[in-house]
PDB file of N, CA and C in Angstrom:
ATOM      1  N   MET A   1     -63.375 -79.697  26.264  1.00  0.00           N
ATOM      2  CA  MET A   1     -63.533 -78.277  26.337  1.00  0.00           C
ATOM      3  C   MET A   1     -64.542 -77.992  27.441  1.00  0.00           C
ATOM      4  N   LYS A   2     -64.225 -77.027  28.263  1.00  0.00           N
ATOM      5  CA  LYS A   2     -65.110 -76.675  29.368  1.00  0.00           C
ATOM      6  C   LYS A   2     -65.448 -75.196  29.261  1.00  0.00           C
ATOM      7  N   ILE A   3     -66.742 -74.891  29.346  1.00  0.00           N
ATOM      8  CA  ILE A   3     -67.199 -73.506  29.291  1.00  0.00           C
ATOM      9  C   ILE A   3     -67.911 -73.213  30.604  1.00  0.00           C
ATOM     10  N   SER A   4     -67.551 -72.096  31.180  1.00  0.00           N
ATOM     11  CA  SER A   4     -68.191 -71.697  32.440  1.00  0.00           C
ATOM     12  C   SER A   4     -68.386 -70.183  32.415  1.00  0.00           C
ATOM     13  N   PRO A   5     -69.111 -69.626  33.388  1.00  0.00           N
ATOM     14  CA  PRO A   5     -69.272 -68.166  33.434  1.00  0.00           C
ATOM     15  C   PRO A   5     -67.934 -67.426  33.561  1.00  0.00           C
ATOM     16  N   ASN A   6     -66.938 -68.090  34.135  1.00  0.00           N
ATOM     17  CA  ASN A   6     -65.623 -67.464  34.289  1.00  0.00           C
ATOM     18  C   ASN A   6     -64.829 -67.474  32.986  1.00  0.00           C
ATOM     19  N   THR A   7     -65.112 -68.434  32.109  1.00  0.00           N
ATOM     20  CA  THR A   7     -64.416 -68.535  30.818  1.00  0.00           C
ATOM     21  C   THR A   7     -65.460 -68.709  29.707  1.00  0.00           C
ATOM     22  N   PRO A   8     -66.156 -67.625  29.343  1.00  0.00           N
ATOM     23  CA  PRO A   8     -67.253 -67.735  28.365  1.00  0.00           C
ATOM     24  C   PRO A   8     -66.802 -67.798  26.906  1.00  0.00           C
ATOM     25  N   GLU A   9     -65.522 -67.827  26.654  1.00  0.00           N
ATOM     26  CA  GLU A   9     -65.037 -67.826  25.274  1.00  0.00           C
ATOM     27  C   GLU A   9     -64.644 -69.229  24.835  1.00  0.00           C
ATOM     28  N   LEU A  10     -64.917 -69.506  23.577  1.00  0.00           N
ATOM     29  CA  LEU A  10     -64.502 -70.774  22.974  1.00  0.00           C
ATOM     30  C   LEU A  10     -63.134 -70.615  22.322  1.00  0.00           C
ATOM     31  N   PRO A  11     -62.341 -71.674  22.295  1.00  0.00           N
ATOM     32  CA  PRO A  11     -61.084 -71.597  21.542  1.00  0.00           C
ATOM     33  C   PRO A  11     -61.401 -71.571  20.037  1.00  0.00           C
ATOM     34  N   HIS A  12     -60.415 -71.210  19.246  1.00  0.00           N
ATOM     35  CA  HIS A  12     -60.599 -71.192  17.794  1.00  0.00           C
ATOM     36  C   HIS A  12     -60.945 -72.595  17.306  1.00  0.00           C
ATOM     37  N   ILE A  13     -61.943 -72.680  16.453  1.00  0.00           N
ATOM     38  CA  ILE A  13     -62.362 -73.965  15.901  1.00  0.00           C
ATOM     39  C   ILE A  13     -61.926 -74.010  14.439  1.00  0.00           C
ATOM     40  N   VAL A  14     -61.175 -75.040  14.095  1.00  0.00           N
ATOM     41  CA  VAL A  14     -60.685 -75.200  12.726  1.00  0.00           C
ATOM     42  C   VAL A  14     -61.277 -76.483  12.154  1.00  0.00           C
ATOM     43  N   PRO A  15     -62.052 -76.395  11.063  1.00  0.00           N
ATOM     44  CA  PRO A  15     -62.675 -77.603  10.512  1.00  0.00           C
ATOM     45  C   PRO A  15     -61.639 -78.521   9.871  1.00  0.00           C
ATOM     46  N   TRP A  16     -61.870 -79.816  10.016  1.00  0.00           N
ATOM     47  CA  TRP A  16     -60.988 -80.792   9.359  1.00  0.00           C
ATOM     48  C   TRP A  16     -61.485 -81.089   7.953  1.00  0.00           C
ATOM     49  N   GLY A  17     -62.738 -80.731   7.668  1.00  0.00           N
ATOM     50  CA  GLY A  17     -63.297 -80.981   6.347  1.00  0.00           C
ATOM     51  C   GLY A  17     -64.663 -80.344   6.213  1.00  0.00           C
ATOM     52  N   PHE A  18     -65.179 -80.398   5.002  1.00  0.00           N
ATOM     53  CA  PHE A  18     -66.476 -79.827   4.690  1.00  0.00           C
ATOM     54  C   PHE A  18     -67.306 -80.839   3.926  1.00  0.00           C
ATOM     55  N   ARG A  19     -68.601 -80.845   4.170  1.00  0.00           N
ATOM     56  CA  ARG A  19     -69.508 -81.687   3.404  1.00  0.00           C
ATOM     57  C   ARG A  19     -69.911 -80.900   2.160  1.00  0.00           C
ATOM     58  N   VAL A  20     -69.634 -81.469   1.002  1.00  0.00           N
ATOM     59  CA  VAL A  20     -69.921 -80.821  -0.276  1.00  0.00           C
ATOM     60  C   VAL A  20     -70.965 -81.660  -1.001  1.00  0.00           C
ATOM     61  N   CYS A  21     -72.045 -81.019  -1.427  1.00  0.00           N
ATOM     62  CA  CYS A  21     -73.125 -81.720  -2.112  1.00  0.00           C
ATOM     63  C   CYS A  21     -73.451 -81.006  -3.416  1.00  0.00           C
ATOM     64  N   GLY A  22     -74.053 -81.735  -4.326  1.00  0.00           N
ATOM     65  CA  GLY A  22     -74.455 -81.154  -5.600  1.00  0.00           C
ATOM     66  C   GLY A  22     -75.437 -82.063  -6.314  1.00  0.00           C
ATOM     67  N   ARG A  23     -75.794 -81.651  -7.524  1.00  0.00           N
ATOM     68  CA  ARG A  23     -76.739 -82.431  -8.321  1.00  0.00           C
ATOM     69  C   ARG A  23     -76.283 -82.430  -9.772  1.00  0.00           C
ATOM     70  N   VAL A  24     -76.377 -83.585 -10.408  1.00  0.00           N
ATOM     71  CA  VAL A  24     -75.984 -83.754 -11.804  1.00  0.00           C
ATOM     72  C   VAL A  24     -77.222 -84.145 -12.610  1.00  0.00           C
ATOM     73  N   VAL A  25     -77.425 -83.473 -13.739  1.00  0.00           N
ATOM     74  CA  VAL A  25     -78.550 -83.788 -14.620  1.00  0.00           C
ATOM     75  C   VAL A  25     -77.984 -83.972 -16.020  1.00  0.00           C
ATOM     76  N   PRO A  26     -78.223 -85.087 -16.683  1.00  0.00           N
ATOM     77  CA  PRO A  26     -78.929 -86.280 -16.231  1.00  0.00           C
ATOM     78  C   PRO A  26     -78.057 -87.122 -15.298  1.00  0.00           C
ATOM     79  N   ALA A  27     -78.723 -87.874 -14.441  1.00  0.00           N
ATOM     80  CA  ALA A  27     -78.029 -88.664 -13.414  1.00  0.00           C
ATOM     81  C   ALA A  27     -77.398 -89.931 -13.978  1.00  0.00           C
ATOM     82  N   LYS A  28     -77.882 -90.383 -15.131  1.00  0.00           N
ATOM     83  CA  LYS A  28     -77.389 -91.645 -15.688  1.00  0.00           C
ATOM     84  C   LYS A  28     -76.605 -91.415 -16.975  1.00  0.00           C
ATOM     85  N   LEU A  29     -75.606 -92.277 -17.175  1.00  0.00           N
ATOM     86  CA  LEU A  29     -74.869 -92.298 -18.430  1.00  0.00           C
ATOM     87  C   LEU A  29     -75.766 -92.849 -19.526  1.00  0.00           C
ATOM     88  N   SER A  30     -75.363 -92.678 -20.766  1.00  0.00           N
ATOM     89  CA  SER A  30     -76.151 -93.219 -21.877  1.00  0.00           C
ATOM     90  C   SER A  30     -76.265 -94.739 -21.779  1.00  0.00           C
ATOM     91  N   SER A  31     -75.326 -95.372 -21.079  1.00  0.00           N
ATOM     92  CA  SER A  31     -75.364 -96.827 -20.887  1.00  0.00           C
ATOM     93  C   SER A  31     -76.350 -97.236 -19.798  1.00  0.00           C
ATOM     94  N   GLY A  32     -76.883 -96.247 -19.056  1.00  0.00           N
ATOM     95  CA  GLY A  32     -77.822 -96.545 -17.980  1.00  0.00           C
ATOM     96  C   GLY A  32     -77.188 -96.586 -16.604  1.00  0.00           C
ATOM     97  N   HIS A  33     -75.860 -96.575 -16.534  1.00  0.00           N
ATOM     98  CA  HIS A  33     -75.166 -96.564 -15.234  1.00  0.00           C
ATOM     99  C   HIS A  33     -75.224 -95.162 -14.638  1.00  0.00           C
ATOM    100  N   LEU A  34     -75.192 -95.095 -13.310  1.00  0.00           N
ATOM    101  CA  LEU A  34     -75.184 -93.799 -12.634  1.00  0.00           C
ATOM    102  C   LEU A  34     -73.839 -93.112 -12.823  1.00  0.00           C
ATOM    103  N   ARG A  35     -73.863 -91.814 -12.848  1.00  0.00           N
ATOM    104  CA  ARG A  35     -72.649 -91.021 -13.068  1.00  0.00           C
ATOM    105  C   ARG A  35     -71.773 -90.979 -11.812  1.00  0.00           C
ATOM    106  N   ILE A  36     -70.548 -90.494 -12.000  1.00  0.00           N
ATOM    107  CA  ILE A  36     -69.590 -90.281 -10.922  1.00  0.00           C
ATOM    108  C   ILE A  36     -69.026 -88.874 -11.100  1.00  0.00           C
ATOM    109  N   VAL A  37     -68.896 -88.149  -9.995  1.00  0.00           N
ATOM    110  CA  VAL A  37     -68.305 -86.815 -10.010  1.00  0.00           C
ATOM    111  C   VAL A  37     -66.901 -86.920  -9.425  1.00  0.00           C
ATOM    112  N   ASP A  38     -65.914 -86.399 -10.153  1.00  0.00           N
ATOM    113  CA  ASP A  38     -64.537 -86.357  -9.660  1.00  0.00           C
ATOM    114  C   ASP A  38     -64.253 -84.959  -9.149  1.00  0.00           C
ATOM    115  N   LEU A  39     -63.737 -84.873  -7.926  1.00  0.00           N
ATOM    116  CA  LEU A  39     -63.359 -83.602  -7.319  1.00  0.00           C
ATOM    117  C   LEU A  39     -61.851 -83.627  -7.130  1.00  0.00           C
ATOM    118  N   ARG A  40     -61.155 -82.832  -7.924  1.00  0.00           N
ATOM    119  CA  ARG A  40     -59.683 -82.821  -7.937  1.00  0.00           C
ATOM    120  C   ARG A  40     -59.188 -81.597  -7.170  1.00  0.00           C
ATOM    121  N   GLY A  41     -58.328 -81.848  -6.192  1.00  0.00           N
ATOM    122  CA  GLY A  41     -57.768 -80.763  -5.391  1.00  0.00           C
ATOM    123  C   GLY A  41     -56.813 -79.921  -6.211  1.00  0.00           C
ATOM    124  N   LEU A  42     -56.977 -78.601  -6.165  1.00  0.00           N
ATOM    125  CA  LEU A  42     -56.076 -77.690  -6.864  1.00  0.00           C
ATOM    126  C   LEU A  42     -54.976 -77.198  -5.943  1.00  0.00           C
ATOM    127  N   SER A  43     -55.296 -77.018  -4.661  1.00  0.00           N
ATOM    128  CA  SER A  43     -54.305 -76.539  -3.707  1.00  0.00           C
ATOM    129  C   SER A  43     -53.703 -77.679  -2.882  1.00  0.00           C
ATOM    130  N   ILE A  44     -54.312 -78.864  -2.978  1.00  0.00           N
ATOM    131  CA  ILE A  44     -53.778 -80.050  -2.307  1.00  0.00           C
ATOM    132  C   ILE A  44     -53.818 -81.199  -3.305  1.00  0.00           C
ATOM    133  N   ASP A  45     -52.984 -82.183  -3.112  1.00  0.00           N
ATOM    134  CA  ASP A  45     -52.923 -83.318  -4.024  1.00  0.00           C
ATOM    135  C   ASP A  45     -53.952 -84.361  -3.605  1.00  0.00           C
ATOM    136  N   ALA A  46     -55.176 -84.235  -4.145  1.00  0.00           N
ATOM    137  CA  ALA A  46     -56.236 -85.163  -3.779  1.00  0.00           C
ATOM    138  C   ALA A  46     -57.252 -85.262  -4.901  1.00  0.00           C
ATOM    139  N   VAL A  47     -57.775 -86.461  -5.094  1.00  0.00           N
ATOM    140  CA  VAL A  47     -58.890 -86.681  -6.012  1.00  0.00           C
ATOM    141  C   VAL A  47     -59.920 -87.514  -5.263  1.00  0.00           C
ATOM    142  N   VAL A  48     -61.157 -87.029  -5.227  1.00  0.00           N
ATOM    143  CA  VAL A  48     -62.242 -87.726  -4.549  1.00  0.00           C
ATOM    144  C   VAL A  48     -63.312 -88.025  -5.583  1.00  0.00           C
ATOM    145  N   ALA A  49     -63.745 -89.270  -5.643  1.00  0.00           N
ATOM    146  CA  ALA A  49     -64.826 -89.668  -6.551  1.00  0.00           C
ATOM    147  C   ALA A  49     -66.110 -89.791  -5.727  1.00  0.00           C
ATOM    148  N   ALA A  50     -67.146 -89.087  -6.160  1.00  0.00           N
ATOM    149  CA  ALA A  50     -68.437 -89.127  -5.463  1.00  0.00           C
ATOM    150  C   ALA A  50     -69.471 -89.780  -6.365  1.00  0.00           C
ATOM    151  N   ASP A  51     -70.147 -90.800  -5.852  1.00  0.00           N
ATOM    152  CA  ASP A  51     -71.196 -91.476  -6.609  1.00  0.00           C
ATOM    153  C   ASP A  51     -72.458 -90.626  -6.630  1.00  0.00           C
ATOM    154  N   VAL A  52     -73.121 -90.603  -7.780  1.00  0.00           N
ATOM    155  CA  VAL A  52     -74.379 -89.889  -7.947  1.00  0.00           C
ATOM    156  C   VAL A  52     -75.512 -90.887  -7.744  1.00  0.00           C
ATOM    157  N   ASP A  53     -76.549 -90.489  -6.977  1.00  0.00           N
ATOM    158  CA  ASP A  53     -77.679 -91.397  -6.781  1.00  0.00           C
ATOM    159  C   ASP A  53     -78.679 -91.258  -7.931  1.00  0.00           C
ATOM    160  N   ALA A  54     -79.758 -92.013  -7.891  1.00  0.00           N
ATOM    161  CA  ALA A  54     -80.727 -92.051  -8.989  1.00  0.00           C
ATOM    162  C   ALA A  54     -81.386 -90.698  -9.238  1.00  0.00           C
ATOM    163  N   SER A  55     -81.419 -89.827  -8.229  1.00  0.00           N
ATOM    164  CA  SER A  55     -82.008 -88.504  -8.412  1.00  0.00           C
ATOM    165  C   SER A  55     -80.974 -87.476  -8.880  1.00  0.00           C
ATOM    166  N   GLY A  56     -79.706 -87.912  -9.024  1.00  0.00           N
ATOM    167  CA  GLY A  56     -78.646 -87.026  -9.499  1.00  0.00           C
ATOM    168  C   GLY A  56     -77.867 -86.341  -8.401  1.00  0.00           C
ATOM    169  N   ARG A  57     -78.177 -86.625  -7.149  1.00  0.00           N
ATOM    170  CA  ARG A  57     -77.507 -85.951  -6.036  1.00  0.00           C
ATOM    171  C   ARG A  57     -76.255 -86.713  -5.584  1.00  0.00           C
ATOM    172  N   PHE A  58     -75.296 -85.933  -5.095  1.00  0.00           N
ATOM    173  CA  PHE A  58     -74.091 -86.533  -4.509  1.00  0.00           C
ATOM    174  C   PHE A  58     -73.661 -85.680  -3.322  1.00  0.00           C
ATOM    175  N   CYS A  59     -73.011 -86.299  -2.364  1.00  0.00           N
ATOM    176  CA  CYS A  59     -72.414 -85.613  -1.208  1.00  0.00           C
ATOM    177  C   CYS A  59     -71.127 -86.343  -0.857  1.00  0.00           C
ATOM    178  N   THR A  60     -70.140 -85.579  -0.437  1.00  0.00           N
ATOM    179  CA  THR A  60     -68.884 -86.153   0.020  1.00  0.00           C
ATOM    180  C   THR A  60     -68.215 -85.167   0.965  1.00  0.00           C
ATOM    181  N   PHE A  61     -67.246 -85.639   1.725  1.00  0.00           N
ATOM    182  CA  PHE A  61     -66.487 -84.769   2.612  1.00  0.00           C
ATOM    183  C   PHE A  61     -65.144 -84.462   1.966  1.00  0.00           C
ATOM    184  N   LEU A  62     -64.754 -83.182   2.020  1.00  0.00           N
ATOM    185  CA  LEU A  62     -63.482 -82.744   1.441  1.00  0.00           C
ATOM    186  C   LEU A  62     -62.665 -81.993   2.474  1.00  0.00           C
ATOM    187  N   GLN A  63     -61.346 -82.142   2.376  1.00  0.00           N
ATOM    188  CA  GLN A  63     -60.442 -81.359   3.204  1.00  0.00           C
ATOM    189  C   GLN A  63     -60.507 -79.907   2.743  1.00  0.00           C
ATOM    190  N   PRO A  64     -60.164 -78.957   3.608  1.00  0.00           N
ATOM    191  CA  PRO A  64     -60.127 -77.563   3.164  1.00  0.00           C
ATOM    192  C   PRO A  64     -59.182 -77.401   1.972  1.00  0.00           C
ATOM    193  N   GLY A  65     -59.570 -76.599   1.010  1.00  0.00           N
ATOM    194  CA  GLY A  65     -58.758 -76.355  -0.178  1.00  0.00           C
ATOM    195  C   GLY A  65     -59.628 -75.978  -1.353  1.00  0.00           C
ATOM    196  N   LYS A  66     -59.000 -75.775  -2.500  1.00  0.00           N
ATOM    197  CA  LYS A  66     -59.711 -75.454  -3.731  1.00  0.00           C
ATOM    198  C   LYS A  66     -59.813 -76.718  -4.568  1.00  0.00           C
ATOM    199  N   TYR A  67     -60.975 -76.922  -5.198  1.00  0.00           N
ATOM    200  CA  TYR A  67     -61.228 -78.128  -5.973  1.00  0.00           C
ATOM    201  C   TYR A  67     -61.841 -77.779  -7.325  1.00  0.00           C
ATOM    202  N   GLU A  68     -61.650 -78.673  -8.257  1.00  0.00           N
ATOM    203  CA  GLU A  68     -62.280 -78.589  -9.562  1.00  0.00           C
ATOM    204  C   GLU A  68     -63.141 -79.835  -9.720  1.00  0.00           C
ATOM    205  N   ALA A  69     -64.404 -79.644 -10.067  1.00  0.00           N
ATOM    206  CA  ALA A  69     -65.328 -80.773 -10.209  1.00  0.00           C
ATOM    207  C   ALA A  69     -65.529 -81.086 -11.679  1.00  0.00           C
ATOM    208  N   SER A  70     -65.600 -82.386 -11.991  1.00  0.00           N
ATOM    209  CA  SER A  70     -65.918 -82.821 -13.355  1.00  0.00           C
ATOM    210  C   SER A  70     -66.780 -84.075 -13.261  1.00  0.00           C
ATOM    211  N   VAL A  71     -67.678 -84.207 -14.206  1.00  0.00           N
ATOM    212  CA  VAL A  71     -68.583 -85.343 -14.253  1.00  0.00           C
ATOM    213  C   VAL A  71     -68.063 -86.316 -15.299  1.00  0.00           C
ATOM    214  N   ARG A  72     -67.935 -87.561 -14.926  1.00  0.00           N
ATOM    215  CA  ARG A  72     -67.467 -88.576 -15.885  1.00  0.00           C
ATOM    216  C   ARG A  72     -68.526 -88.797 -16.962  1.00  0.00           C
ATOM    217  N   THR A  73     -68.062 -88.908 -18.187  1.00  0.00           N
ATOM    218  CA  THR A  73     -68.954 -89.163 -19.318  1.00  0.00           C
ATOM    219  C   THR A  73     -68.552 -90.472 -19.984  1.00  0.00           C
ATOM    220  N   SER A  74     -69.474 -91.043 -20.741  1.00  0.00           N
ATOM    221  CA  SER A  74     -69.183 -92.291 -21.450  1.00  0.00           C
ATOM    222  C   SER A  74     -68.464 -91.977 -22.757  1.00  0.00           C
ATOM    223  N   GLU A  75     -67.867 -92.975 -23.346  1.00  0.00           N
ATOM    224  CA  GLU A  75     -67.190 -92.820 -24.636  1.00  0.00           C
ATOM    225  C   GLU A  75     -68.178 -92.330 -25.695  1.00  0.00           C
ATOM    226  N   ASP A  76     -69.383 -92.887 -25.684  1.00  0.00           N
ATOM    227  CA  ASP A  76     -70.424 -92.486 -26.643  1.00  0.00           C
ATOM    228  C   ASP A  76     -70.771 -91.004 -26.475  1.00  0.00           C
ATOM    229  N   GLU A  77     -70.885 -90.546 -25.239  1.00  0.00           N
ATOM    230  CA  GLU A  77     -71.205 -89.134 -24.974  1.00  0.00           C
ATOM    231  C   GLU A  77     -70.057 -88.228 -25.432  1.00  0.00           C
ATOM    232  N   ARG A  78     -68.804 -88.652 -25.230  1.00  0.00           N
ATOM    233  CA  ARG A  78     -67.658 -87.852 -25.683  1.00  0.00           C
ATOM    234  C   ARG A  78     -67.630 -87.772 -27.191  1.00  0.00           C
ATOM    235  N   LYS A  79     -67.961 -88.844 -27.875  1.00  0.00           N
ATOM    236  CA  LYS A  79     -68.004 -88.828 -29.345  1.00  0.00           C
ATOM    237  C   LYS A  79     -69.045 -87.832 -29.858  1.00  0.00           C
ATOM    238  N   LYS A  80     -70.115 -87.650 -29.075  1.00  0.00           N
ATOM    239  CA  LYS A  80     -71.182 -86.732 -29.452  1.00  0.00           C
ATOM    240  C   LYS A  80     -70.895 -85.291 -29.010  1.00  0.00           C
ATOM    241  N   GLY A  81     -69.732 -85.063 -28.370  1.00  0.00           N
ATOM    242  CA  GLY A  81     -69.317 -83.729 -27.999  1.00  0.00           C
ATOM    243  C   GLY A  81     -69.517 -83.343 -26.555  1.00  0.00           C
ATOM    244  N   LEU A  82     -70.033 -84.237 -25.734  1.00  0.00           N
ATOM    245  CA  LEU A  82     -70.195 -83.926 -24.309  1.00  0.00           C
ATOM    246  C   LEU A  82     -68.883 -84.193 -23.599  1.00  0.00           C
ATOM    247  N   GLN A  83     -68.346 -83.205 -22.958  1.00  0.00           N
ATOM    248  CA  GLN A  83     -67.049 -83.353 -22.290  1.00  0.00           C
ATOM    249  C   GLN A  83     -67.220 -83.510 -20.814  1.00  0.00           C
TER     250      GLN A  83
END
């Protein structure tokens, strides 16, 4: 791409993806393992698993679209009512 005084306009820029970040509390499962966040595409057929770090933060890149996020829980947590 070349920009000069004669052509001061940029062409349309279309992103190929977005960086999506978040935080999960608590960061660890009852077993002590770190959690995983699943991001399921609603408008596209995609599932992305993002690892949570020790502070509960996660970041991943997603294609444009609508997503639903869910945090994986342990069997013990599901028995106690955490979904």
